[in-house]
Amino acid sequence: MTSQPNAKGEMYILNDGIDMKVKIAAMARRLEELEMKKMQEVQAISQTPLQAMSCAICLSYEHLVDECPTIPAVREMFGDCNTYNSNWRDHPNFSWEPQPPQYQQPAQAPQQASNLEQAMMNLSKVVGDFVGAKKSINAHLSQRIDSVESSLNKRMDEVQSDLSQKIDNLQYSISRFANLNKCKRKKTFLLNIIKIPRVSMKWRLRRENLQW
């Protein structure tokens, strides 16, 4: 784009600066929207109600697995496995007689992580994604600002160089016009000097004719 005179050149620089400010403001608003969206996701996860977890041994919701009251009895039973207990005589599992099939409670696989741990893992992942996205946006924004600054500096140098060239051309034209005007006045002066004797000679001849 060729530069116009000084006033228009300044106007183009101003328009480029305003356009760049608008772009930077739009990018800042976009960054704020992303931050707000991530914060809403974090708040939604932190406000998710935790579900009660049952004991994996007795399926009770009143205590955890480590606090189950059946654990001491089991430990006592396995601790006496090398000795004879008379109370085991009537136990159905130690009888040789066939027993009717009994309903077996299906064993539940222990959960890999509790709901709280899962929520913390989700929260950590969201925060990590948010930090990574923010770093990427900041890097892209910084690169964009550097590119815009370089373009503006280059454009200002081009405008300044073009204005300097136009000023030099204008000064040359003014100097040339002044020289032409000076030559014209000198020529007019010389013509006037040449015409003066002719006028005098003409009046002299007229006077002589009148005298005759």
N, C-alpha and C. Protein backbone atom coordinates (compact mmCIF):
# COMPACT_ATOMS: atom_id res chain seq x y z
N MET A 1 0.87 -1.18 0.00
CA MET A 1 0.00 0.00 0.00
C MET A 1 0.90 1.22 0.00
N THR A 2 0.78 2.09 -0.97
CA THR A 2 1.59 3.30 -1.04
C THR A 2 1.11 4.31 -0.04
N SER A 3 2.02 5.08 0.48
CA SER A 3 1.67 6.07 1.49
C SER A 3 1.15 7.32 0.83
N GLN A 4 0.28 8.01 1.49
CA GLN A 4 -0.28 9.28 1.08
C GLN A 4 0.55 10.40 1.70
N PRO A 5 0.19 11.67 1.54
CA PRO A 5 0.89 12.75 2.23
C PRO A 5 0.91 12.53 3.72
N ASN A 6 1.57 13.47 4.40
CA ASN A 6 1.87 13.29 5.83
C ASN A 6 0.63 13.01 6.65
N ALA A 7 -0.45 13.81 6.42
CA ALA A 7 -1.67 13.64 7.23
C ALA A 7 -2.28 12.27 7.01
N LYS A 8 -2.38 11.85 5.75
CA LYS A 8 -2.97 10.53 5.48
C LYS A 8 -2.07 9.42 5.97
N GLY A 9 -0.77 9.60 5.89
CA GLY A 9 0.14 8.59 6.43
C GLY A 9 -0.06 8.38 7.91
N GLU A 10 -0.22 9.47 8.67
CA GLU A 10 -0.50 9.35 10.10
C GLU A 10 -1.83 8.67 10.34
N MET A 11 -2.83 8.93 9.47
CA MET A 11 -4.14 8.31 9.63
C MET A 11 -4.04 6.80 9.45
N TYR A 12 -3.25 6.33 8.48
CA TYR A 12 -3.10 4.90 8.28
C TYR A 12 -2.43 4.26 9.47
N ILE A 13 -1.42 4.90 10.04
CA ILE A 13 -0.75 4.35 11.22
C ILE A 13 -1.72 4.25 12.38
N LEU A 14 -2.57 5.25 12.55
CA LEU A 14 -3.55 5.23 13.63
C LEU A 14 -4.55 4.10 13.44
N ASN A 15 -5.02 3.90 12.18
CA ASN A 15 -5.98 2.83 11.93
C ASN A 15 -5.37 1.46 12.20
N ASP A 16 -4.12 1.27 11.79
CA ASP A 16 -3.45 -0.02 12.07
C ASP A 16 -3.32 -0.25 13.55
N GLY A 17 -3.00 0.81 14.33
CA GLY A 17 -2.88 0.65 15.77
C GLY A 17 -4.21 0.30 16.42
N ILE A 18 -5.29 0.94 15.96
CA ILE A 18 -6.62 0.64 16.53
C ILE A 18 -7.02 -0.78 16.21
N ASP A 19 -6.78 -1.23 14.97
CA ASP A 19 -7.13 -2.60 14.58
C ASP A 19 -6.37 -3.61 15.42
N MET A 20 -5.11 -3.35 15.70
CA MET A 20 -4.32 -4.28 16.51
C MET A 20 -4.82 -4.30 17.95
N LYS A 21 -5.19 -3.12 18.49
CA LYS A 21 -5.73 -3.09 19.85
C LYS A 21 -7.03 -3.89 19.94
N VAL A 22 -7.86 -3.81 18.89
CA VAL A 22 -9.12 -4.57 18.88
C VAL A 22 -8.84 -6.06 18.88
N LYS A 23 -7.86 -6.49 18.08
CA LYS A 23 -7.52 -7.92 18.03
C LYS A 23 -6.98 -8.40 19.37
N ILE A 24 -6.12 -7.60 20.00
CA ILE A 24 -5.57 -7.99 21.31
C ILE A 24 -6.67 -8.06 22.35
N ALA A 25 -7.62 -7.11 22.31
CA ALA A 25 -8.73 -7.14 23.26
C ALA A 25 -9.61 -8.37 23.05
N ALA A 26 -9.83 -8.75 21.77
CA ALA A 26 -10.63 -9.95 21.50
C ALA A 26 -9.94 -11.21 22.01
N MET A 27 -8.63 -11.28 21.85
CA MET A 27 -7.89 -12.44 22.36
C MET A 27 -7.93 -12.48 23.88
N ALA A 28 -7.86 -11.30 24.52
CA ALA A 28 -7.94 -11.26 25.99
C ALA A 28 -9.31 -11.73 26.47
N ARG A 29 -10.37 -11.32 25.75
CA ARG A 29 -11.72 -11.77 26.13
C ARG A 29 -11.85 -13.28 25.95
N ARG A 30 -11.25 -13.81 24.89
CA ARG A 30 -11.30 -15.26 24.66
C ARG A 30 -10.59 -16.01 25.77
N LEU A 31 -9.45 -15.49 26.24
CA LEU A 31 -8.72 -16.11 27.34
C LEU A 31 -9.54 -16.09 28.61
N GLU A 32 -10.23 -14.97 28.87
CA GLU A 32 -11.07 -14.88 30.06
C GLU A 32 -12.23 -15.89 29.99
N GLU A 33 -12.80 -16.06 28.79
CA GLU A 33 -13.90 -17.04 28.66
C GLU A 33 -13.41 -18.45 28.94
N LEU A 34 -12.22 -18.80 28.45
CA LEU A 34 -11.66 -20.13 28.71
C LEU A 34 -11.40 -20.33 30.20
N GLU A 35 -10.85 -19.30 30.86
CA GLU A 35 -10.60 -19.41 32.29
C GLU A 35 -11.90 -19.58 33.07
N MET A 36 -12.93 -18.82 32.68
CA MET A 36 -14.22 -18.93 33.36
C MET A 36 -14.82 -20.32 33.16
N LYS A 37 -14.70 -20.86 31.94
CA LYS A 37 -15.25 -22.20 31.67
C LYS A 37 -14.55 -23.26 32.50
N LYS A 38 -13.23 -23.18 32.61
CA LYS A 38 -12.48 -24.16 33.40
C LYS A 38 -12.83 -24.05 34.88
N MET A 39 -12.99 -22.81 35.37
CA MET A 39 -13.35 -22.63 36.77
C MET A 39 -14.73 -23.20 37.06
N GLN A 40 -15.66 -23.05 36.12
CA GLN A 40 -17.00 -23.63 36.31
C GLN A 40 -16.93 -25.16 36.35
N GLU A 41 -16.07 -25.76 35.52
CA GLU A 41 -15.92 -27.22 35.55
C GLU A 41 -15.34 -27.68 36.88
N VAL A 42 -14.35 -26.92 37.39
CA VAL A 42 -13.75 -27.28 38.67
C VAL A 42 -14.78 -27.18 39.79
N GLN A 43 -15.58 -26.10 39.79
CA GLN A 43 -16.61 -25.94 40.82
C GLN A 43 -17.66 -27.04 40.73
N ALA A 44 -18.03 -27.43 39.49
CA ALA A 44 -19.04 -28.49 39.34
C ALA A 44 -18.53 -29.81 39.91
N ILE A 45 -17.25 -30.09 39.69
CA ILE A 45 -16.69 -31.35 40.23
C ILE A 45 -16.59 -31.29 41.74
N SER A 46 -16.17 -30.14 42.27
CA SER A 46 -16.01 -30.03 43.73
C SER A 46 -17.36 -30.08 44.45
N GLN A 47 -18.45 -29.70 43.77
CA GLN A 47 -19.77 -29.70 44.39
C GLN A 47 -20.53 -31.01 44.16
N THR A 48 -19.91 -31.98 43.49
CA THR A 48 -20.59 -33.26 43.24
C THR A 48 -20.73 -34.03 44.55
N PRO A 49 -21.94 -34.43 44.95
CA PRO A 49 -22.11 -35.15 46.23
C PRO A 49 -21.46 -36.52 46.16
N LEU A 50 -20.82 -36.90 47.25
CA LEU A 50 -20.17 -38.21 47.35
C LEU A 50 -21.17 -39.26 47.80
N GLN A 51 -21.11 -40.43 47.17
CA GLN A 51 -22.01 -41.52 47.51
C GLN A 51 -21.41 -42.38 48.61
N ALA A 52 -22.28 -42.82 49.49
CA ALA A 52 -21.81 -43.67 50.59
C ALA A 52 -21.34 -45.01 50.04
N MET A 53 -20.28 -45.55 50.65
CA MET A 53 -19.68 -46.79 50.20
C MET A 53 -19.92 -47.87 51.25
N SER A 54 -20.38 -49.01 50.81
CA SER A 54 -20.69 -50.09 51.74
C SER A 54 -19.45 -50.90 52.07
N CYS A 55 -19.52 -51.62 53.19
CA CYS A 55 -18.44 -52.51 53.59
C CYS A 55 -18.40 -53.71 52.64
N ALA A 56 -17.23 -54.05 52.16
CA ALA A 56 -17.10 -55.15 51.20
C ALA A 56 -17.29 -56.51 51.86
N ILE A 57 -17.25 -56.58 53.21
CA ILE A 57 -17.37 -57.87 53.90
C ILE A 57 -18.82 -58.17 54.26
N CYS A 58 -19.44 -57.23 55.00
CA CYS A 58 -20.82 -57.47 55.45
C CYS A 58 -21.85 -56.61 54.74
N LEU A 59 -21.41 -55.77 53.77
CA LEU A 59 -22.30 -54.91 52.97
C LEU A 59 -23.06 -53.90 53.82
N SER A 60 -22.49 -53.49 54.92
CA SER A 60 -23.13 -52.50 55.78
C SER A 60 -22.60 -51.12 55.43
N TYR A 61 -23.48 -50.12 55.54
CA TYR A 61 -23.10 -48.74 55.28
C TYR A 61 -22.71 -47.99 56.56
N GLU A 62 -22.67 -48.69 57.67
CA GLU A 62 -22.40 -48.04 58.95
C GLU A 62 -20.92 -47.96 59.27
N HIS A 63 -20.08 -48.66 58.56
CA HIS A 63 -18.65 -48.63 58.86
C HIS A 63 -17.89 -48.98 57.59
N LEU A 64 -16.56 -48.75 57.64
CA LEU A 64 -15.69 -49.07 56.53
C LEU A 64 -15.20 -50.51 56.65
N VAL A 65 -14.44 -50.94 55.64
CA VAL A 65 -13.95 -52.32 55.63
C VAL A 65 -13.02 -52.58 56.80
N ASP A 66 -12.12 -51.63 57.09
CA ASP A 66 -11.15 -51.83 58.18
C ASP A 66 -11.82 -51.88 59.55
N GLU A 67 -13.04 -51.34 59.67
CA GLU A 67 -13.73 -51.31 60.95
C GLU A 67 -14.83 -52.38 61.06
N CYS A 68 -14.86 -53.32 60.15
CA CYS A 68 -15.91 -54.35 60.16
C CYS A 68 -15.78 -55.22 61.42
N PRO A 69 -16.87 -55.43 62.16
CA PRO A 69 -16.79 -56.23 63.41
C PRO A 69 -16.53 -57.71 63.17
N THR A 70 -16.66 -58.19 61.96
CA THR A 70 -16.41 -59.62 61.70
C THR A 70 -14.93 -59.94 61.55
N ILE A 71 -14.10 -58.92 61.42
CA ILE A 71 -12.67 -59.18 61.21
C ILE A 71 -12.03 -59.89 62.40
N PRO A 72 -12.30 -59.47 63.66
CA PRO A 72 -11.68 -60.20 64.79
C PRO A 72 -12.07 -61.67 64.82
N ALA A 73 -13.34 -61.99 64.51
CA ALA A 73 -13.77 -63.39 64.52
C ALA A 73 -13.04 -64.19 63.45
N VAL A 74 -12.87 -63.61 62.29
CA VAL A 74 -12.16 -64.30 61.21
C VAL A 74 -10.71 -64.52 61.58
N ARG A 75 -10.11 -63.49 62.17
CA ARG A 75 -8.71 -63.65 62.59
C ARG A 75 -8.58 -64.74 63.67
N GLU A 76 -9.55 -64.77 64.56
CA GLU A 76 -9.50 -65.79 65.61
C GLU A 76 -9.66 -67.19 65.02
N MET A 77 -10.53 -67.29 64.03
CA MET A 77 -10.76 -68.59 63.41
C MET A 77 -9.52 -69.06 62.67
N PHE A 78 -8.92 -68.19 61.88
CA PHE A 78 -7.73 -68.60 61.14
C PHE A 78 -6.52 -68.71 62.04
N GLY A 79 -6.54 -67.98 63.14
CA GLY A 79 -5.42 -68.12 64.07
C GLY A 79 -5.43 -69.46 64.78
N ASP A 80 -6.58 -70.13 64.94
CA ASP A 80 -6.71 -71.45 65.58
C ASP A 80 -6.78 -72.58 64.58
N CYS A 81 -6.32 -72.36 63.38
CA CYS A 81 -6.50 -73.38 62.35
C CYS A 81 -5.68 -74.64 62.63
N ASN A 82 -4.62 -74.55 63.43
CA ASN A 82 -3.79 -75.72 63.72
C ASN A 82 -4.27 -76.49 64.96
N THR A 83 -5.30 -76.04 65.61
CA THR A 83 -5.83 -76.71 66.81
C THR A 83 -7.25 -77.14 66.57
N TYR A 84 -7.71 -78.11 67.37
CA TYR A 84 -9.09 -78.61 67.24
C TYR A 84 -10.00 -77.80 68.14
N ASN A 85 -11.15 -77.43 67.57
CA ASN A 85 -12.16 -76.69 68.31
C ASN A 85 -13.43 -77.54 68.31
N SER A 86 -13.94 -77.81 69.50
CA SER A 86 -15.14 -78.66 69.60
C SER A 86 -16.36 -78.00 69.00
N ASN A 87 -16.36 -76.71 68.90
CA ASN A 87 -17.51 -76.01 68.32
C ASN A 87 -17.61 -76.22 66.81
N TRP A 88 -16.51 -76.69 66.21
CA TRP A 88 -16.55 -76.89 64.76
C TRP A 88 -17.26 -78.19 64.38
N ARG A 89 -17.56 -79.04 65.38
CA ARG A 89 -18.15 -80.35 65.09
C ARG A 89 -19.51 -80.22 64.42
N ASP A 90 -20.28 -79.23 64.86
CA ASP A 90 -21.62 -79.03 64.29
C ASP A 90 -21.64 -78.02 63.13
N HIS A 91 -20.49 -77.61 62.75
CA HIS A 91 -20.45 -76.63 61.64
C HIS A 91 -20.78 -77.33 60.33
N PRO A 92 -21.69 -76.79 59.51
CA PRO A 92 -22.11 -77.49 58.29
C PRO A 92 -20.99 -77.67 57.29
N ASN A 93 -20.03 -76.79 57.30
CA ASN A 93 -18.95 -76.91 56.32
C ASN A 93 -17.98 -78.04 56.65
N PHE A 94 -18.00 -78.50 57.91
CA PHE A 94 -17.10 -79.59 58.30
C PHE A 94 -17.85 -80.93 58.42
N SER A 95 -19.04 -81.04 57.92
CA SER A 95 -19.83 -82.27 58.00
C SER A 95 -19.67 -83.07 56.72
N TRP A 96 -19.69 -84.46 56.89
CA TRP A 96 -19.60 -85.33 55.74
C TRP A 96 -20.95 -85.56 55.09
N GLU A 97 -22.00 -85.16 55.73
CA GLU A 97 -23.33 -85.36 55.18
C GLU A 97 -23.61 -84.31 54.12
N PRO A 98 -24.36 -84.72 53.08
CA PRO A 98 -24.69 -83.73 52.04
C PRO A 98 -25.58 -82.63 52.61
N GLN A 99 -25.28 -81.43 52.24
CA GLN A 99 -26.04 -80.27 52.71
C GLN A 99 -26.84 -79.68 51.55
N PRO A 100 -28.03 -79.17 51.89
CA PRO A 100 -28.82 -78.52 50.82
C PRO A 100 -28.08 -77.28 50.30
N PRO A 101 -28.28 -77.03 49.05
CA PRO A 101 -27.60 -75.85 48.49
C PRO A 101 -28.09 -74.57 49.17
N GLN A 102 -27.18 -73.75 49.49
CA GLN A 102 -27.48 -72.48 50.13
C GLN A 102 -27.17 -71.33 49.17
N TYR A 103 -27.93 -70.30 49.40
CA TYR A 103 -27.74 -69.11 48.55
C TYR A 103 -26.42 -68.43 48.90
N GLN A 104 -25.63 -68.22 47.91
CA GLN A 104 -24.35 -67.57 48.11
C GLN A 104 -24.44 -66.12 47.62
N GLN A 105 -24.06 -65.24 48.51
CA GLN A 105 -24.03 -63.81 48.13
C GLN A 105 -22.88 -63.59 47.16
N PRO A 106 -23.18 -63.08 45.99
CA PRO A 106 -22.08 -62.85 45.03
C PRO A 106 -21.08 -61.86 45.59
N ALA A 107 -19.85 -62.25 45.46
CA ALA A 107 -18.78 -61.38 45.97
C ALA A 107 -18.66 -60.15 45.08
N GLN A 108 -18.50 -59.02 45.72
CA GLN A 108 -18.36 -57.76 45.00
C GLN A 108 -16.88 -57.42 44.89
N ALA A 109 -16.50 -57.08 43.69
CA ALA A 109 -15.10 -56.70 43.48
C ALA A 109 -14.83 -55.37 44.17
N PRO A 110 -13.76 -55.28 44.90
CA PRO A 110 -13.44 -54.00 45.56
C PRO A 110 -13.18 -52.92 44.53
N GLN A 111 -13.62 -51.76 44.84
CA GLN A 111 -13.43 -50.63 43.93
C GLN A 111 -11.97 -50.22 43.93
N GLN A 112 -11.52 -49.85 42.76
CA GLN A 112 -10.13 -49.44 42.64
C GLN A 112 -9.84 -48.15 43.38
N ALA A 113 -10.79 -47.28 43.42
CA ALA A 113 -10.62 -46.00 44.12
C ALA A 113 -11.97 -45.55 44.61
N SER A 114 -11.98 -44.89 45.72
CA SER A 114 -13.23 -44.38 46.27
C SER A 114 -13.71 -43.19 45.45
N ASN A 115 -14.97 -42.79 45.71
CA ASN A 115 -15.52 -41.66 44.98
C ASN A 115 -14.73 -40.38 45.24
N LEU A 116 -14.26 -40.22 46.46
CA LEU A 116 -13.47 -39.03 46.77
C LEU A 116 -12.16 -39.03 46.00
N GLU A 117 -11.51 -40.19 45.94
CA GLU A 117 -10.26 -40.27 45.19
C GLU A 117 -10.50 -40.02 43.71
N GLN A 118 -11.62 -40.56 43.19
CA GLN A 118 -11.94 -40.33 41.78
C GLN A 118 -12.21 -38.86 41.51
N ALA A 119 -12.92 -38.21 42.45
CA ALA A 119 -13.19 -36.78 42.28
C ALA A 119 -11.90 -35.98 42.32
N MET A 120 -10.98 -36.35 43.21
CA MET A 120 -9.70 -35.65 43.28
C MET A 120 -8.88 -35.88 42.01
N MET A 121 -8.96 -37.08 41.47
CA MET A 121 -8.25 -37.35 40.22
C MET A 121 -8.83 -36.52 39.08
N ASN A 122 -10.16 -36.45 39.02
CA ASN A 122 -10.79 -35.63 37.98
C ASN A 122 -10.44 -34.16 38.14
N LEU A 123 -10.44 -33.70 39.40
CA LEU A 123 -10.10 -32.30 39.65
C LEU A 123 -8.66 -32.02 39.25
N SER A 124 -7.76 -32.93 39.59
CA SER A 124 -6.36 -32.74 39.22
C SER A 124 -6.18 -32.72 37.71
N LYS A 125 -6.93 -33.59 37.02
CA LYS A 125 -6.84 -33.61 35.55
C LYS A 125 -7.36 -32.31 34.94
N VAL A 126 -8.49 -31.81 35.47
CA VAL A 126 -9.06 -30.57 34.94
C VAL A 126 -8.10 -29.41 35.17
N VAL A 127 -7.52 -29.35 36.38
CA VAL A 127 -6.58 -28.26 36.68
C VAL A 127 -5.35 -28.37 35.78
N GLY A 128 -4.85 -29.60 35.57
CA GLY A 128 -3.70 -29.77 34.69
C GLY A 128 -4.01 -29.36 33.26
N ASP A 129 -5.19 -29.74 32.77
CA ASP A 129 -5.58 -29.33 31.42
C ASP A 129 -5.72 -27.82 31.33
N PHE A 130 -6.27 -27.22 32.38
CA PHE A 130 -6.45 -25.77 32.38
C PHE A 130 -5.11 -25.05 32.35
N VAL A 131 -4.17 -25.51 33.17
CA VAL A 131 -2.84 -24.89 33.21
C VAL A 131 -2.14 -25.06 31.86
N GLY A 132 -2.24 -26.26 31.28
CA GLY A 132 -1.63 -26.48 29.98
C GLY A 132 -2.24 -25.60 28.89
N ALA A 133 -3.57 -25.49 28.90
CA ALA A 133 -4.24 -24.64 27.90
C ALA A 133 -3.87 -23.18 28.08
N LYS A 134 -3.76 -22.74 29.35
CA LYS A 134 -3.40 -21.35 29.60
C LYS A 134 -1.98 -21.06 29.13
N LYS A 135 -1.06 -21.99 29.38
CA LYS A 135 0.32 -21.79 28.91
C LYS A 135 0.37 -21.73 27.39
N SER A 136 -0.39 -22.60 26.73
CA SER A 136 -0.41 -22.59 25.28
C SER A 136 -0.99 -21.29 24.73
N ILE A 137 -2.06 -20.81 25.37
CA ILE A 137 -2.67 -19.55 24.92
C ILE A 137 -1.72 -18.39 25.15
N ASN A 138 -1.05 -18.37 26.32
CA ASN A 138 -0.10 -17.30 26.60
C ASN A 138 1.05 -17.30 25.61
N ALA A 139 1.55 -18.49 25.27
CA ALA A 139 2.64 -18.57 24.30
C ALA A 139 2.19 -18.10 22.93
N HIS A 140 0.98 -18.51 22.52
CA HIS A 140 0.45 -18.08 21.22
C HIS A 140 0.22 -16.57 21.21
N LEU A 141 -0.31 -16.03 22.31
CA LEU A 141 -0.56 -14.60 22.39
C LEU A 141 0.74 -13.82 22.35
N SER A 142 1.75 -14.29 23.07
CA SER A 142 3.05 -13.61 23.06
C SER A 142 3.67 -13.63 21.67
N GLN A 143 3.57 -14.77 20.99
CA GLN A 143 4.09 -14.86 19.63
C GLN A 143 3.33 -13.94 18.69
N ARG A 144 2.02 -13.85 18.87
CA ARG A 144 1.21 -12.97 18.03
C ARG A 144 1.56 -11.51 18.26
N ILE A 145 1.77 -11.13 19.52
CA ILE A 145 2.12 -9.74 19.84
C ILE A 145 3.47 -9.39 19.23
N ASP A 146 4.44 -10.31 19.32
CA ASP A 146 5.75 -10.06 18.73
C ASP A 146 5.64 -9.89 17.22
N SER A 147 4.81 -10.71 16.58
CA SER A 147 4.63 -10.60 15.13
C SER A 147 3.98 -9.28 14.75
N VAL A 148 2.98 -8.87 15.53
CA VAL A 148 2.30 -7.60 15.26
C VAL A 148 3.26 -6.43 15.46
N GLU A 149 4.05 -6.49 16.53
CA GLU A 149 5.01 -5.42 16.80
C GLU A 149 6.03 -5.32 15.68
N SER A 150 6.50 -6.46 15.19
CA SER A 150 7.46 -6.46 14.08
C SER A 150 6.83 -5.88 12.82
N SER A 151 5.57 -6.23 12.55
CA SER A 151 4.88 -5.71 11.37
C SER A 151 4.68 -4.20 11.47
N LEU A 152 4.32 -3.73 12.66
CA LEU A 152 4.12 -2.29 12.85
C LEU A 152 5.42 -1.53 12.67
N ASN A 153 6.50 -2.06 13.24
CA ASN A 153 7.79 -1.38 13.08
C ASN A 153 8.21 -1.34 11.62
N LYS A 154 8.01 -2.45 10.91
CA LYS A 154 8.35 -2.48 9.49
C LYS A 154 7.51 -1.49 8.70
N ARG A 155 6.21 -1.42 9.03
CA ARG A 155 5.32 -0.50 8.32
C ARG A 155 5.70 0.95 8.60
N MET A 156 6.05 1.26 9.84
CA MET A 156 6.45 2.62 10.19
C MET A 156 7.74 3.01 9.48
N ASP A 157 8.67 2.07 9.37
CA ASP A 157 9.90 2.36 8.63
C ASP A 157 9.61 2.63 7.16
N GLU A 158 8.69 1.85 6.57
CA GLU A 158 8.34 2.07 5.17
C GLU A 158 7.68 3.43 4.98
N VAL A 159 6.78 3.78 5.89
CA VAL A 159 6.09 5.08 5.78
C VAL A 159 7.08 6.22 5.94
N GLN A 160 7.98 6.09 6.92
CA GLN A 160 8.97 7.14 7.14
C GLN A 160 9.89 7.29 5.94
N SER A 161 10.31 6.16 5.36
CA SER A 161 11.16 6.22 4.18
C SER A 161 10.43 6.85 2.99
N ASP A 162 9.15 6.50 2.82
CA ASP A 162 8.37 7.07 1.72
C ASP A 162 8.16 8.57 1.91
N LEU A 163 7.89 8.97 3.15
CA LEU A 163 7.72 10.40 3.42
C LEU A 163 9.02 11.17 3.17
N SER A 164 10.14 10.59 3.58
CA SER A 164 11.42 11.25 3.34
C SER A 164 11.68 11.41 1.84
N GLN A 165 11.35 10.37 1.06
CA GLN A 165 11.53 10.46 -0.38
C GLN A 165 10.63 11.53 -0.99
N LYS A 166 9.40 11.61 -0.52
CA LYS A 166 8.48 12.63 -1.03
C LYS A 166 8.95 14.04 -0.65
N ILE A 167 9.47 14.17 0.57
CA ILE A 167 9.98 15.49 0.98
C ILE A 167 11.17 15.89 0.12
N ASP A 168 12.06 14.94 -0.16
CA ASP A 168 13.20 15.24 -1.03
C ASP A 168 12.73 15.64 -2.42
N ASN A 169 11.75 14.91 -2.96
CA ASN A 169 11.22 15.25 -4.28
C ASN A 169 10.57 16.63 -4.29
N LEU A 170 9.87 16.95 -3.20
CA LEU A 170 9.22 18.26 -3.12
C LEU A 170 10.26 19.38 -3.04
N GLN A 171 11.30 19.15 -2.24
CA GLN A 171 12.35 20.16 -2.15
C GLN A 171 13.04 20.35 -3.50
N TYR A 172 13.25 19.25 -4.21
CA TYR A 172 13.86 19.36 -5.54
C TYR A 172 12.96 20.13 -6.50
N SER A 173 11.65 19.87 -6.44
CA SER A 173 10.72 20.58 -7.32
C SER A 173 10.68 22.07 -6.99
N ILE A 174 10.69 22.39 -5.68
CA ILE A 174 10.68 23.80 -5.28
C ILE A 174 11.95 24.50 -5.75
N SER A 175 13.08 23.82 -5.57
CA SER A 175 14.35 24.42 -6.01
C SER A 175 14.37 24.61 -7.53
N ARG A 176 13.85 23.64 -8.24
CA ARG A 176 13.82 23.75 -9.70
C ARG A 176 12.88 24.87 -10.14
N PHE A 177 11.73 24.97 -9.48
CA PHE A 177 10.79 26.03 -9.81
C PHE A 177 11.40 27.40 -9.53
N ALA A 178 12.13 27.50 -8.41
CA ALA A 178 12.77 28.78 -8.08
C ALA A 178 13.82 29.14 -9.13
N ASN A 179 14.58 28.15 -9.58
CA ASN A 179 15.58 28.43 -10.61
C ASN A 179 14.93 28.85 -11.93
N LEU A 180 13.83 28.18 -12.29
CA LEU A 180 13.12 28.56 -13.52
C LEU A 180 12.57 29.98 -13.42
N ASN A 181 12.02 30.30 -12.26
CA ASN A 181 11.47 31.64 -12.06
C ASN A 181 12.58 32.69 -12.13
N LYS A 182 13.72 32.33 -11.56
CA LYS A 182 14.86 33.26 -11.59
C LYS A 182 15.34 33.47 -13.01
N CYS A 183 15.42 32.38 -13.78
CA CYS A 183 15.83 32.49 -15.18
C CYS A 183 14.82 33.30 -16.00
N LYS A 184 13.55 33.12 -15.70
CA LYS A 184 12.52 33.86 -16.43
C LYS A 184 12.62 35.35 -16.16
N ARG A 185 12.85 35.71 -14.89
CA ARG A 185 12.99 37.13 -14.57
C ARG A 185 14.24 37.72 -15.21
N LYS A 186 15.31 36.92 -15.24
CA LYS A 186 16.54 37.41 -15.88
C LYS A 186 16.31 37.63 -17.37
N LYS A 187 15.58 36.71 -18.01
CA LYS A 187 15.29 36.84 -19.44
C LYS A 187 14.44 38.07 -19.71
N THR A 188 13.43 38.27 -18.84
CA THR A 188 12.57 39.45 -19.00
C THR A 188 13.37 40.74 -18.85
N PHE A 189 14.29 40.73 -17.90
CA PHE A 189 15.12 41.92 -17.68
C PHE A 189 15.99 42.20 -18.90
N LEU A 190 16.57 41.16 -19.49
CA LEU A 190 17.41 41.34 -20.67
C LEU A 190 16.59 41.83 -21.86
N LEU A 191 15.38 41.31 -22.00
CA LEU A 191 14.52 41.77 -23.10
C LEU A 191 14.16 43.24 -22.94
N ASN A 192 13.92 43.64 -21.71
CA ASN A 192 13.61 45.06 -21.47
C ASN A 192 14.79 45.94 -21.82
N ILE A 193 15.99 45.44 -21.48
CA ILE A 193 17.18 46.23 -21.81
C ILE A 193 17.34 46.35 -23.32
N ILE A 194 17.07 45.31 -24.05
CA ILE A 194 17.20 45.33 -25.51
C ILE A 194 16.14 46.22 -26.13
N LYS A 195 14.94 46.29 -25.60
CA LYS A 195 13.85 47.08 -26.17
C LYS A 195 14.05 48.58 -25.94
N ILE A 196 14.77 48.97 -24.94
CA ILE A 196 14.90 50.41 -24.62
C ILE A 196 15.57 51.18 -25.75
N PRO A 197 16.68 50.75 -26.35
CA PRO A 197 17.27 51.51 -27.47
C PRO A 197 16.35 51.60 -28.68
N ARG A 198 15.62 50.57 -28.96
CA ARG A 198 14.70 50.60 -30.10
C ARG A 198 13.64 51.68 -29.91
N VAL A 199 13.10 51.79 -28.71
CA VAL A 199 12.09 52.82 -28.45
C VAL A 199 12.69 54.20 -28.60
N SER A 200 13.91 54.37 -28.10
CA SER A 200 14.57 55.69 -28.21
C SER A 200 14.81 56.05 -29.67
N MET A 201 15.27 55.08 -30.46
CA MET A 201 15.51 55.33 -31.89
C MET A 201 14.21 55.68 -32.61
N LYS A 202 13.14 55.04 -32.24
CA LYS A 202 11.85 55.32 -32.88
C LYS A 202 11.40 56.74 -32.59
N TRP A 203 11.54 57.22 -31.36
CA TRP A 203 11.15 58.58 -31.01
C TRP A 203 12.08 59.60 -31.68
N ARG A 204 13.33 59.23 -31.85
CA ARG A 204 14.27 60.16 -32.50
C ARG A 204 13.88 60.36 -33.96
N LEU A 205 13.54 59.28 -34.64
CA LEU A 205 13.13 59.40 -36.04
C LEU A 205 11.85 60.19 -36.17
N ARG A 206 10.95 60.01 -35.24
CA ARG A 206 9.69 60.76 -35.30
C ARG A 206 9.95 62.26 -35.10
N ARG A 207 10.84 62.60 -34.22
CA ARG A 207 11.16 64.01 -33.99
C ARG A 207 11.79 64.63 -35.22
N GLU A 208 12.67 63.87 -35.86
CA GLU A 208 13.31 64.41 -37.05
C GLU A 208 12.30 64.64 -38.17
N ASN A 209 11.35 63.77 -38.34
CA ASN A 209 10.32 63.94 -39.37
C ASN A 209 9.46 65.15 -39.09
N LEU A 210 9.17 65.38 -37.81
CA LEU A 210 8.36 66.54 -37.47
C LEU A 210 9.11 67.84 -37.76
N GLN A 211 10.41 67.82 -37.54
CA GLN A 211 11.18 69.03 -37.81
C GLN A 211 11.23 69.35 -39.30
N TRP A 212 11.25 68.39 -40.12
CA TRP A 212 11.25 68.62 -41.56
C TRP A 212 9.88 69.09 -41.99
